[in-house]
C-alpha atoms as a PDB file:
ATOM      1  CA  MET A   1      24.037  39.179 -89.372  1.00  0.00           C
ATOM      2  CA  ALA A   2      23.578  42.670 -91.431  1.00  0.00           C
ATOM      3  CA  ASN A   3      20.949  43.319 -94.057  1.00  0.00           C
ATOM      4  CA  THR A   4      22.272  40.578 -96.739  1.00  0.00           C
ATOM      5  CA  THR A   5      21.645  43.668 -99.237  1.00  0.00           C
ATOM      6  CA  ASP A   6      23.773  46.052 -97.210  1.00  0.00           C
ATOM      7  CA  SER A   7      27.220  44.633 -98.895  1.00  0.00           C
ATOM      8  CA  ILE A   8      26.031  43.703-102.452  1.00  0.00           C
ATOM      9  CA  ARG A   9      27.760  45.756-105.320  1.00  0.00           C
ATOM     10  CA  THR A  10      27.227  45.933-108.737  1.00  0.00           C
ATOM     11  CA  MET A  11      29.342  45.245-111.600  1.00  0.00           C
ATOM     12  CA  ALA A  12      29.228  48.857-112.450  1.00  0.00           C
ATOM     13  CA  GLN A  13      30.426  49.661-108.562  1.00  0.00           C
ATOM     14  CA  TRP A  14      33.350  47.435-109.140  1.00  0.00           C
ATOM     15  CA  ALA A  15      33.922  48.744-112.111  1.00  0.00           C
ATOM     16  CA  GLN A  16      34.385  52.581-111.279  1.00  0.00           C
ATOM     17  CA  GLU A  17      36.755  51.116-108.332  1.00  0.00           C
ATOM     18  CA  GLY A  18      39.019  49.633-110.957  1.00  0.00           C
ATOM     19  CA  ASN A  19      38.278  46.196-109.609  1.00  0.00           C
ATOM     20  CA  SER A  20      37.075  42.772-110.583  1.00  0.00           C
ATOM     21  CA  PRO A  21      34.103  40.355-108.898  1.00  0.00           C
ATOM     22  CA  GLU A  22      35.139  36.656-108.324  1.00  0.00           C
ATOM     23  CA  VAL A  23      31.681  35.781-110.244  1.00  0.00           C
ATOM     24  CA  LEU A  24      28.580  37.351-111.505  1.00  0.00           C
ATOM     25  CA  PHE A  25      25.486  36.578-109.325  1.00  0.00           C
ATOM     26  CA  TRP A  26      23.147  36.452-112.428  1.00  0.00           C
ATOM     27  CA  VAL A  27      19.581  37.071-110.032  1.00  0.00           C
ATOM     28  CA  GLY A  28      17.009  36.193-112.946  1.00  0.00           C
ATOM     29  CA  CYS A  29      13.877  37.425-113.217  1.00  0.00           C
ATOM     30  CA  ALA A  30      12.087  34.979-110.733  1.00  0.00           C
ATOM     31  CA  GLY A  31      14.359  35.684-108.192  1.00  0.00           C
ATOM     32  CA  SER A  32      14.125  39.189-108.114  1.00  0.00           C
ATOM     33  CA  PHE A  33      10.197  39.348-108.542  1.00  0.00           C
ATOM     34  CA  ASP A  34       8.932  36.355-107.864  1.00  0.00           C
ATOM     35  CA  ASP A  35       7.751  36.536-103.937  1.00  0.00           C
ATOM     36  CA  ARG A  36       9.199  33.173-102.823  1.00  0.00           C
ATOM     37  CA  ALA A  37      11.896  33.228-105.550  1.00  0.00           C
ATOM     38  CA  LYS A  38      13.292  36.153-103.447  1.00  0.00           C
ATOM     39  CA  LYS A  39      13.561  33.805-100.847  1.00  0.00           C
ATOM     40  CA  ILE A  40      16.256  32.110-102.482  1.00  0.00           C
ATOM     41  CA  THR A  41      18.316  35.015-104.148  1.00  0.00           C
ATOM     42  CA  LYS A  42      18.902  35.923 -99.746  1.00  0.00           C
ATOM     43  CA  ALA A  43      19.287  32.299 -99.007  1.00  0.00           C
ATOM     44  CA  PHE A  44      22.094  32.170-101.768  1.00  0.00           C
ATOM     45  CA  VAL A  45      23.893  35.316-100.954  1.00  0.00           C
ATOM     46  CA  GLN A  46      23.544  35.018 -97.623  1.00  0.00           C
ATOM     47  CA  LEU A  47      25.741  31.852 -98.449  1.00  0.00           C
ATOM     48  CA  LEU A  48      27.690  33.600-100.403  1.00  0.00           C
ATOM     49  CA  GLN A  49      28.774  36.210 -98.207  1.00  0.00           C
ATOM     50  CA  LYS A  50      29.868  33.175 -95.304  1.00  0.00           C
ATOM     51  CA  ALA A  51      32.217  32.098 -98.105  1.00  0.00           C
ATOM     52  CA  GLU A  52      33.614  35.818 -98.138  1.00  0.00           C
ATOM     53  CA  VAL A  53      33.265  35.298-101.661  1.00  0.00           C
ATOM     54  CA  GLY A  54      33.613  38.610-103.530  1.00  0.00           C
ATOM     55  CA  PHE A  55      30.620  38.648-106.100  1.00  0.00           C
ATOM     56  CA  ALA A  56      28.334  41.324-107.891  1.00  0.00           C
ATOM     57  CA  VAL A  57      25.148  41.522-109.298  1.00  0.00           C
ATOM     58  CA  LEU A  58      24.060  43.588-112.549  1.00  0.00           C
ATOM     59  CA  GLY A  59      21.123  45.393-110.752  1.00  0.00           C
ATOM     60  CA  PRO A  60      18.770  47.293-113.453  1.00  0.00           C
ATOM     61  CA  GLU A  61      21.322  46.133-115.749  1.00  0.00           C
ATOM     62  CA  GLU A  62      20.159  42.769-116.068  1.00  0.00           C
ATOM     63  CA  SER A  63      17.431  42.034-118.207  1.00  0.00           C
ATOM     64  CA  CYS A  64      16.052  38.070-119.208  1.00  0.00           C
ATOM     65  CA  THR A  65      17.877  35.867-120.910  1.00  0.00           C
ATOM     66  CA  GLY A  66      15.620  35.682-123.507  1.00  0.00           C
ATOM     67  CA  ASP A  67      14.425  31.860-122.519  1.00  0.00           C
ATOM     68  CA  PRO A  68      11.259  31.536-122.744  1.00  0.00           C
ATOM     69  CA  ALA A  69      10.649  33.618-125.662  1.00  0.00           C
ATOM     70  CA  LYS A  70      12.887  31.063-126.987  1.00  0.00           C
ATOM     71  CA  ARG A  71      10.957  28.259-125.540  1.00  0.00           C
ATOM     72  CA  ALA A  72       8.114  30.010-127.127  1.00  0.00           C
ATOM     73  CA  GLY A  73       9.075  30.133-130.635  1.00  0.00           C
ATOM     74  CA  ASN A  74      10.273  33.848-130.604  1.00  0.00           C
ATOM     75  CA  GLU A  75      14.190  33.043-132.262  1.00  0.00           C
ATOM     76  CA  PHE A  76      14.314  37.042-132.727  1.00  0.00           C
ATOM     77  CA  LEU A  77      13.368  38.183-129.507  1.00  0.00           C
ATOM     78  CA  PHE A  78      15.682  35.837-127.751  1.00  0.00           C
ATOM     79  CA  GLN A  79      18.466  37.485-129.351  1.00  0.00           C
ATOM     80  CA  MET A  80      17.309  40.588-129.182  1.00  0.00           C
ATOM     81  CA  GLN A  81      17.651  39.872-125.538  1.00  0.00           C
ATOM     82  CA  ALA A  82      20.604  37.875-125.517  1.00  0.00           C
ATOM     83  CA  MET A  83      22.561  40.238-127.669  1.00  0.00           C
ATOM     84  CA  THR A  84      21.665  42.979-125.049  1.00  0.00           C
ATOM     85  CA  ASN A  85      23.028  40.749-122.516  1.00  0.00           C
ATOM     86  CA  ILE A  86      26.536  39.649-124.057  1.00  0.00           C
ATOM     87  CA  GLU A  87      27.244  43.484-124.843  1.00  0.00           C
ATOM     88  CA  THR A  88      26.863  44.377-121.344  1.00  0.00           C
ATOM     89  CA  LEU A  89      28.394  41.436-119.961  1.00  0.00           C
ATOM     90  CA  ASN A  90      31.539  42.070-121.785  1.00  0.00           C
ATOM     91  CA  THR A  91      31.955  45.416-121.521  1.00  0.00           C
ATOM     92  CA  TYR A  92      32.116  44.321-118.047  1.00  0.00           C
ATOM     93  CA  GLY A  93      34.656  41.486-118.936  1.00  0.00           C
ATOM     94  CA  VAL A  94      32.615  39.257-117.093  1.00  0.00           C
ATOM     95  CA  LYS A  95      34.472  35.534-116.853  1.00  0.00           C
ATOM     96  CA  LYS A  96      32.447  33.700-114.529  1.00  0.00           C
ATOM     97  CA  ILE A  97      28.568  33.520-113.766  1.00  0.00           C
ATOM     98  CA  VAL A  98      26.282  31.616-111.039  1.00  0.00           C
ATOM     99  CA  THR A  99      22.669  31.468-111.019  1.00  0.00           C
ATOM    100  CA  THR A 100      20.146  30.069-109.173  1.00  0.00           C
ATOM    101  CA  CYS A 101      17.702  29.115-111.971  1.00  0.00           C
ATOM    102  CA  PRO A 102      18.339  26.256-114.089  1.00  0.00           C
ATOM    103  CA  HIS A 103      17.007  28.142-117.367  1.00  0.00           C
ATOM    104  CA  CYS A 104      19.210  30.686-117.197  1.00  0.00           C
ATOM    105  CA  PHE A 105      21.748  28.684-116.724  1.00  0.00           C
ATOM    106  CA  ASN A 106      21.345  26.344-119.501  1.00  0.00           C
ATOM    107  CA  THR A 107      20.540  29.620-121.948  1.00  0.00           C
ATOM    108  CA  LEU A 108      24.143  31.147-120.717  1.00  0.00           C
ATOM    109  CA  LYS A 109      25.926  28.324-121.079  1.00  0.00           C
ATOM    110  CA  ASN A 110      24.839  26.775-123.644  1.00  0.00           C
ATOM    111  CA  GLU A 111      23.278  29.151-126.155  1.00  0.00           C
ATOM    112  CA  TYR A 112      25.386  32.616-125.532  1.00  0.00           C
ATOM    113  CA  PRO A 113      28.919  31.537-127.344  1.00  0.00           C
ATOM    114  CA  SER A 114      27.056  31.140-130.408  1.00  0.00           C
ATOM    115  CA  LEU A 115      26.120  35.056-129.863  1.00  0.00           C
ATOM    116  CA  GLY A 116      29.344  36.152-128.202  1.00  0.00           C
ATOM    117  CA  GLY A 117      28.739  35.411-124.922  1.00  0.00           C
ATOM    118  CA  GLN A 118      31.785  32.700-123.904  1.00  0.00           C
ATOM    119  CA  TYR A 119      31.773  32.846-119.935  1.00  0.00           C
ATOM    120  CA  VAL A 120      32.354  29.883-117.487  1.00  0.00           C
ATOM    121  CA  VAL A 121      28.154  29.630-115.943  1.00  0.00           C
ATOM    122  CA  MET A 122      27.704  27.543-112.944  1.00  0.00           C
ATOM    123  CA  HIS A 123      24.361  26.434-111.103  1.00  0.00           C
ATOM    124  CA  HIS A 124      24.661  27.455-107.365  1.00  0.00           C
ATOM    125  CA  THR A 125      24.307  23.984-106.689  1.00  0.00           C
ATOM    126  CA  GLN A 126      27.793  23.406-108.054  1.00  0.00           C
ATOM    127  CA  PHE A 127      28.766  26.306-107.160  1.00  0.00           C
ATOM    128  CA  LEU A 128      27.439  25.775-103.477  1.00  0.00           C
ATOM    129  CA  LYS A 129      29.691  22.618-103.607  1.00  0.00           C
ATOM    130  CA  ASN A 130      33.089  23.490-104.663  1.00  0.00           C
ATOM    131  CA  LEU A 131      32.851  26.096-102.098  1.00  0.00           C
ATOM    132  CA  ILE A 132      32.372  23.728 -99.385  1.00  0.00           C
ATOM    133  CA  ALA A 133      35.245  20.930-101.154  1.00  0.00           C
ATOM    134  CA  GLU A 134      37.413  24.433-101.159  1.00  0.00           C
ATOM    135  CA  GLY A 135      37.011  24.390 -97.119  1.00  0.00           C
ATOM    136  CA  ARG A 136      35.070  27.839 -97.916  1.00  0.00           C
ATOM    137  CA  LEU A 137      32.250  26.941 -96.494  1.00  0.00           C
ATOM    138  CA  HIS A 138      31.133  24.781 -93.530  1.00  0.00           C
ATOM    139  CA  ILE A 139      27.686  23.183 -93.380  1.00  0.00           C
ATOM    140  CA  GLU A 140      26.509  21.762 -90.064  1.00  0.00           C
ATOM    141  CA  GLY A 141      24.049  19.923 -90.837  1.00  0.00           C
ATOM    142  CA  GLY A 142      22.200  18.549 -87.316  1.00  0.00           C
ATOM    143  CA  HIS A 143      19.036  21.117 -88.213  1.00  0.00           C
ATOM    144  CA  TYR A 144      17.496  18.415 -90.676  1.00  0.00           C
ATOM    145  CA  LYS A 145      18.903  15.313 -89.144  1.00  0.00           C
ATOM    146  CA  GLY A 146      15.907  12.668 -88.635  1.00  0.00           C
ATOM    147  CA  LYS A 147      14.016  14.070 -91.392  1.00  0.00           C
ATOM    148  CA  LYS A 148      13.298  12.732 -94.690  1.00  0.00           C
ATOM    149  CA  ILE A 149      14.516  15.343 -98.023  1.00  0.00           C
ATOM    150  CA  THR A 150      13.270  13.948-101.373  1.00  0.00           C
ATOM    151  CA  PHE A 151      14.657  15.964-104.460  1.00  0.00           C
ATOM    152  CA  HIS A 152      13.202  17.434-107.621  1.00  0.00           C
ATOM    153  CA  ASP A 153      15.709  16.996-110.556  1.00  0.00           C
ATOM    154  CA  PRO A 154      14.650  20.445-112.640  1.00  0.00           C
ATOM    155  CA  CYS A 155      14.894  19.678-116.432  1.00  0.00           C
ATOM    156  CA  TYR A 156      17.242  22.609-117.526  1.00  0.00           C
ATOM    157  CA  LEU A 157      19.769  21.133-114.888  1.00  0.00           C
ATOM    158  CA  GLY A 158      19.187  17.278-114.740  1.00  0.00           C
ATOM    159  CA  ARG A 159      18.441  16.148-118.396  1.00  0.00           C
ATOM    160  CA  ALA A 160      19.756  18.684-120.598  1.00  0.00           C
ATOM    161  CA  ASN A 161      22.918  19.736-118.163  1.00  0.00           C
ATOM    162  CA  ASN A 162      23.558  16.045-116.876  1.00  0.00           C
ATOM    163  CA  GLU A 163      23.994  17.262-113.034  1.00  0.00           C
ATOM    164  CA  TYR A 164      22.150  15.374-110.550  1.00  0.00           C
ATOM    165  CA  GLN A 165      25.335  14.888-108.587  1.00  0.00           C
ATOM    166  CA  ALA A 166      26.154  18.398-106.934  1.00  0.00           C
ATOM    167  CA  PRO A 167      22.311  18.635-105.632  1.00  0.00           C
ATOM    168  CA  ARG A 168      21.851  15.385-104.020  1.00  0.00           C
ATOM    169  CA  ALA A 169      25.841  16.090-102.149  1.00  0.00           C
ATOM    170  CA  LEU A 170      24.870  19.173-100.741  1.00  0.00           C
ATOM    171  CA  LEU A 171      21.689  17.718 -98.981  1.00  0.00           C
ATOM    172  CA  GLU A 172      24.024  14.648 -98.075  1.00  0.00           C
ATOM    173  CA  LYS A 173      25.482  17.440 -95.498  1.00  0.00           C
ATOM    174  CA  LEU A 174      22.484  18.031 -93.609  1.00  0.00           C
ATOM    175  CA  GLU A 175      22.452  14.883 -92.714  1.00  0.00           C
ATOM    176  CA  ALA A 176      18.670  13.750 -93.866  1.00  0.00           C
ATOM    177  CA  GLU A 177      18.089  10.794 -94.899  1.00  0.00           C
ATOM    178  CA  LEU A 178      17.766  11.254 -98.914  1.00  0.00           C
ATOM    179  CA  VAL A 179      14.588   9.512-100.654  1.00  0.00           C
ATOM    180  CA  GLU A 180      13.998   9.522-104.393  1.00  0.00           C
ATOM    181  CA  MET A 181      10.399  10.019-106.150  1.00  0.00           C
ATOM    182  CA  LYS A 182       9.529   7.292-108.241  1.00  0.00           C
ATOM    183  CA  SER A 183      10.579   9.465-111.076  1.00  0.00           C
ATOM    184  CA  CYS A 184      14.167  10.828-110.755  1.00  0.00           C
ATOM    185  CA  LYS A 185      17.342  11.405-112.435  1.00  0.00           C
ATOM    186  CA  GLN A 186      17.422  10.847-115.868  1.00  0.00           C
ATOM    187  CA  LYS A 187      13.794   9.710-115.938  1.00  0.00           C
ATOM    188  CA  GLY A 188      12.996  12.695-113.587  1.00  0.00           C
ATOM    189  CA  LEU A 189       9.198  14.595-114.554  1.00  0.00           C
ATOM    190  CA  CYS A 190       9.129  17.889-115.252  1.00  0.00           C
ATOM    191  CA  CYS A 191       7.312  20.135-112.806  1.00  0.00           C
ATOM    192  CA  GLY A 192       4.750  21.615-115.724  1.00  0.00           C
ATOM    193  CA  ALA A 193       6.868  25.041-115.545  1.00  0.00           C
ATOM    194  CA  GLY A 194       9.106  24.271-118.542  1.00  0.00           C
ATOM    195  CA  GLY A 195       9.338  25.468-122.137  1.00  0.00           C
ATOM    196  CA  ALA A 196       7.228  28.618-120.946  1.00  0.00           C
ATOM    197  CA  GLN A 197       4.647  26.568-119.710  1.00  0.00           C
ATOM    198  CA  MET A 198       4.902  28.828-117.006  1.00  0.00           C
ATOM    199  CA  PHE A 199       3.107  31.581-118.605  1.00  0.00           C
ATOM    200  CA  LYS A 200       0.611  30.192-120.532  1.00  0.00           C
ATOM    201  CA  GLU A 201      -2.635  28.865-119.738  1.00  0.00           C
ATOM    202  CA  ALA A 202      -3.005  24.800-118.871  1.00  0.00           C
ATOM    203  CA  GLU A 203      -3.537  23.000-122.096  1.00  0.00           C
ATOM    204  CA  ALA A 204      -6.808  20.341-121.773  1.00  0.00           C
ATOM    205  CA  GLY A 205      -5.643  17.013-120.041  1.00  0.00           C
ATOM    206  CA  ASP A 206      -6.941  14.968-116.989  1.00  0.00           C
ATOM    207  CA  LYS A 207      -4.236  15.970-114.492  1.00  0.00           C
ATOM    208  CA  GLU A 208      -1.630  19.394-114.044  1.00  0.00           C
ATOM    209  CA  ILE A 209       1.648  17.809-114.550  1.00  0.00           C
ATOM    210  CA  ASN A 210       2.858  19.884-111.119  1.00  0.00           C
ATOM    211  CA  ILE A 211       0.008  17.962-109.320  1.00  0.00           C
ATOM    212  CA  ALA A 212       1.162  14.974-110.752  1.00  0.00           C
ATOM    213  CA  ARG A 213       4.741  15.407-109.836  1.00  0.00           C
ATOM    214  CA  THR A 214       3.861  16.470-106.182  1.00  0.00           C
ATOM    215  CA  GLU A 215       1.928  13.203-105.671  1.00  0.00           C
ATOM    216  CA  GLU A 216       5.135  11.181-106.201  1.00  0.00           C
ATOM    217  CA  ALA A 217       6.954  13.484-103.854  1.00  0.00           C
ATOM    218  CA  LEU A 218       4.225  13.114-101.303  1.00  0.00           C
ATOM    219  CA  ASP A 219       4.261   9.810-101.985  1.00  0.00           C
ATOM    220  CA  THR A 220       8.294   9.457-100.279  1.00  0.00           C
ATOM    221  CA  GLN A 221       6.883  10.721 -97.003  1.00  0.00           C
ATOM    222  CA  ALA A 222       9.387  13.070 -97.431  1.00  0.00           C
ATOM    223  CA  ASP A 223       9.033  15.762 -94.692  1.00  0.00           C
ATOM    224  CA  VAL A 224      10.797  18.030 -97.022  1.00  0.00           C
ATOM    225  CA  ILE A 225      11.020  18.645-100.617  1.00  0.00           C
ATOM    226  CA  ALA A 226      13.726  20.140-101.927  1.00  0.00           C
ATOM    227  CA  ALA A 227      14.294  22.050-105.136  1.00  0.00           C
ATOM    228  CA  GLY A 228      17.278  23.751-107.245  1.00  0.00           C
ATOM    229  CA  CYS A 229      14.936  25.783-109.437  1.00  0.00           C
ATOM    230  CA  PRO A 230      12.575  29.454-108.636  1.00  0.00           C
ATOM    231  CA  PHE A 231      10.029  27.905-111.436  1.00  0.00           C
ATOM    232  CA  CYS A 232      10.101  23.673-109.900  1.00  0.00           C
ATOM    233  CA  ASN A 233       9.473  26.039-106.116  1.00  0.00           C
ATOM    234  CA  THR A 234       6.453  27.637-107.138  1.00  0.00           C
ATOM    235  CA  MET A 235       5.350  24.738-108.992  1.00  0.00           C
ATOM    236  CA  LEU A 236       5.617  22.142-106.315  1.00  0.00           C
ATOM    237  CA  HIS A 237       4.463  25.061-103.849  1.00  0.00           C
ATOM    238  CA  ASP A 238       1.206  25.362-105.740  1.00  0.00           C
ATOM    239  CA  GLY A 239       1.095  21.411-106.077  1.00  0.00           C
ATOM    240  CA  VAL A 240       1.586  20.994-102.251  1.00  0.00           C
ATOM    241  CA  LYS A 241      -0.822  23.643-101.506  1.00  0.00           C
ATOM    242  CA  THR A 242      -4.072  22.078-103.954  1.00  0.00           C
ATOM    243  CA  LYS A 243      -3.048  18.454-101.845  1.00  0.00           C
ATOM    244  CA  GLU A 244      -3.947  20.667 -98.487  1.00  0.00           C
ATOM    245  CA  LYS A 245       0.197  19.776 -97.471  1.00  0.00           C
ATOM    246  CA  GLU A 246       0.658  22.462 -96.532  1.00  0.00           C
ATOM    247  CA  GLY A 247       1.217  22.482 -92.897  1.00  0.00           C
ATOM    248  CA  LYS A 248       3.386  18.948 -93.147  1.00  0.00           C
ATOM    249  CA  VAL A 249       5.537  19.978 -95.682  1.00  0.00           C
ATOM    250  CA  ALA A 250       7.846  21.877 -96.637  1.00  0.00           C
ATOM    251  CA  VAL A 251       9.172  23.210-100.092  1.00  0.00           C
ATOM    252  CA  MET A 252      12.359  24.542-100.273  1.00  0.00           C
ATOM    253  CA  ASP A 253      15.545  25.535-102.414  1.00  0.00           C
ATOM    254  CA  ILE A 254      18.334  23.921-101.307  1.00  0.00           C
ATOM    255  CA  ALA A 255      20.750  27.398-100.584  1.00  0.00           C
ATOM    256  CA  GLN A 256      17.176  27.692 -98.224  1.00  0.00           C
ATOM    257  CA  LEU A 257      18.176  24.189 -96.643  1.00  0.00           C
ATOM    258  CA  LEU A 258      21.801  25.097 -96.335  1.00  0.00           C
ATOM    259  CA  ALA A 259      21.069  28.809 -94.942  1.00  0.00           C
ATOM    260  CA  GLN A 260      19.215  27.472 -92.496  1.00  0.00           C
ATOM    261  CA  THR A 261      22.035  25.414 -91.303  1.00  0.00           C
ATOM    262  CA  GLU A 262      23.893  28.049 -90.516  1.00  0.00           C
ATOM    263  CA  ASP A 263      24.065  30.539 -88.020  1.00  0.00           C
ATOM    264  CA  LEU A 264      23.096  34.001 -90.166  1.00  0.00           C
END
């Protein structure tokens, strides 16, 4: 397949042609700049292209949603960042947004409306589930047959927005055995990155949260730890590395797992 970036167009390019895409892909800070998260971005784009979804990105016009600032207690900075984004989105008449980051998903979906940003916002697992249900995306799951996969529920997808079914429905398409951790779904344990904790030094304690969560994942004897958040992905990767299990247990976003089953 050709380079996935070859046919990615910005909202500005769509607007110049007098057209609008089906959906705006909000890439997010992690998906744009973090090397691990860039792989998630690429995998999701591959799936969008495979399903022939007309999508756009904001490119250099996209900035942080303001989630880290808000969680750190800087409401003024959050509103400044949010209003800048809302002005850009409304200028282009954006109606529907999909993102691979639950932090962006939660902020765009639940906190932008009160500031004038009214959009249909979907997490990428929800969007991919719909594409499969509509027959636009076909997943051949034999690649992971016989493997065990455990799924880590991102806080802002699960407890904050009550979405537990979509990611698991996608994992079922892989024909692997889904094994749940001791703490899952409504009782899921945070990876340790939420609430802007990703950007500060750890506080005193007996054990890092990401290590505790990784231990729960490793206890399932899974071959793959599946994630649906770039921050969770990083924290679990680091946990697996700390436990010296890198060669035995993979940490991958659901988009990466689905893309591996495609002939891309």
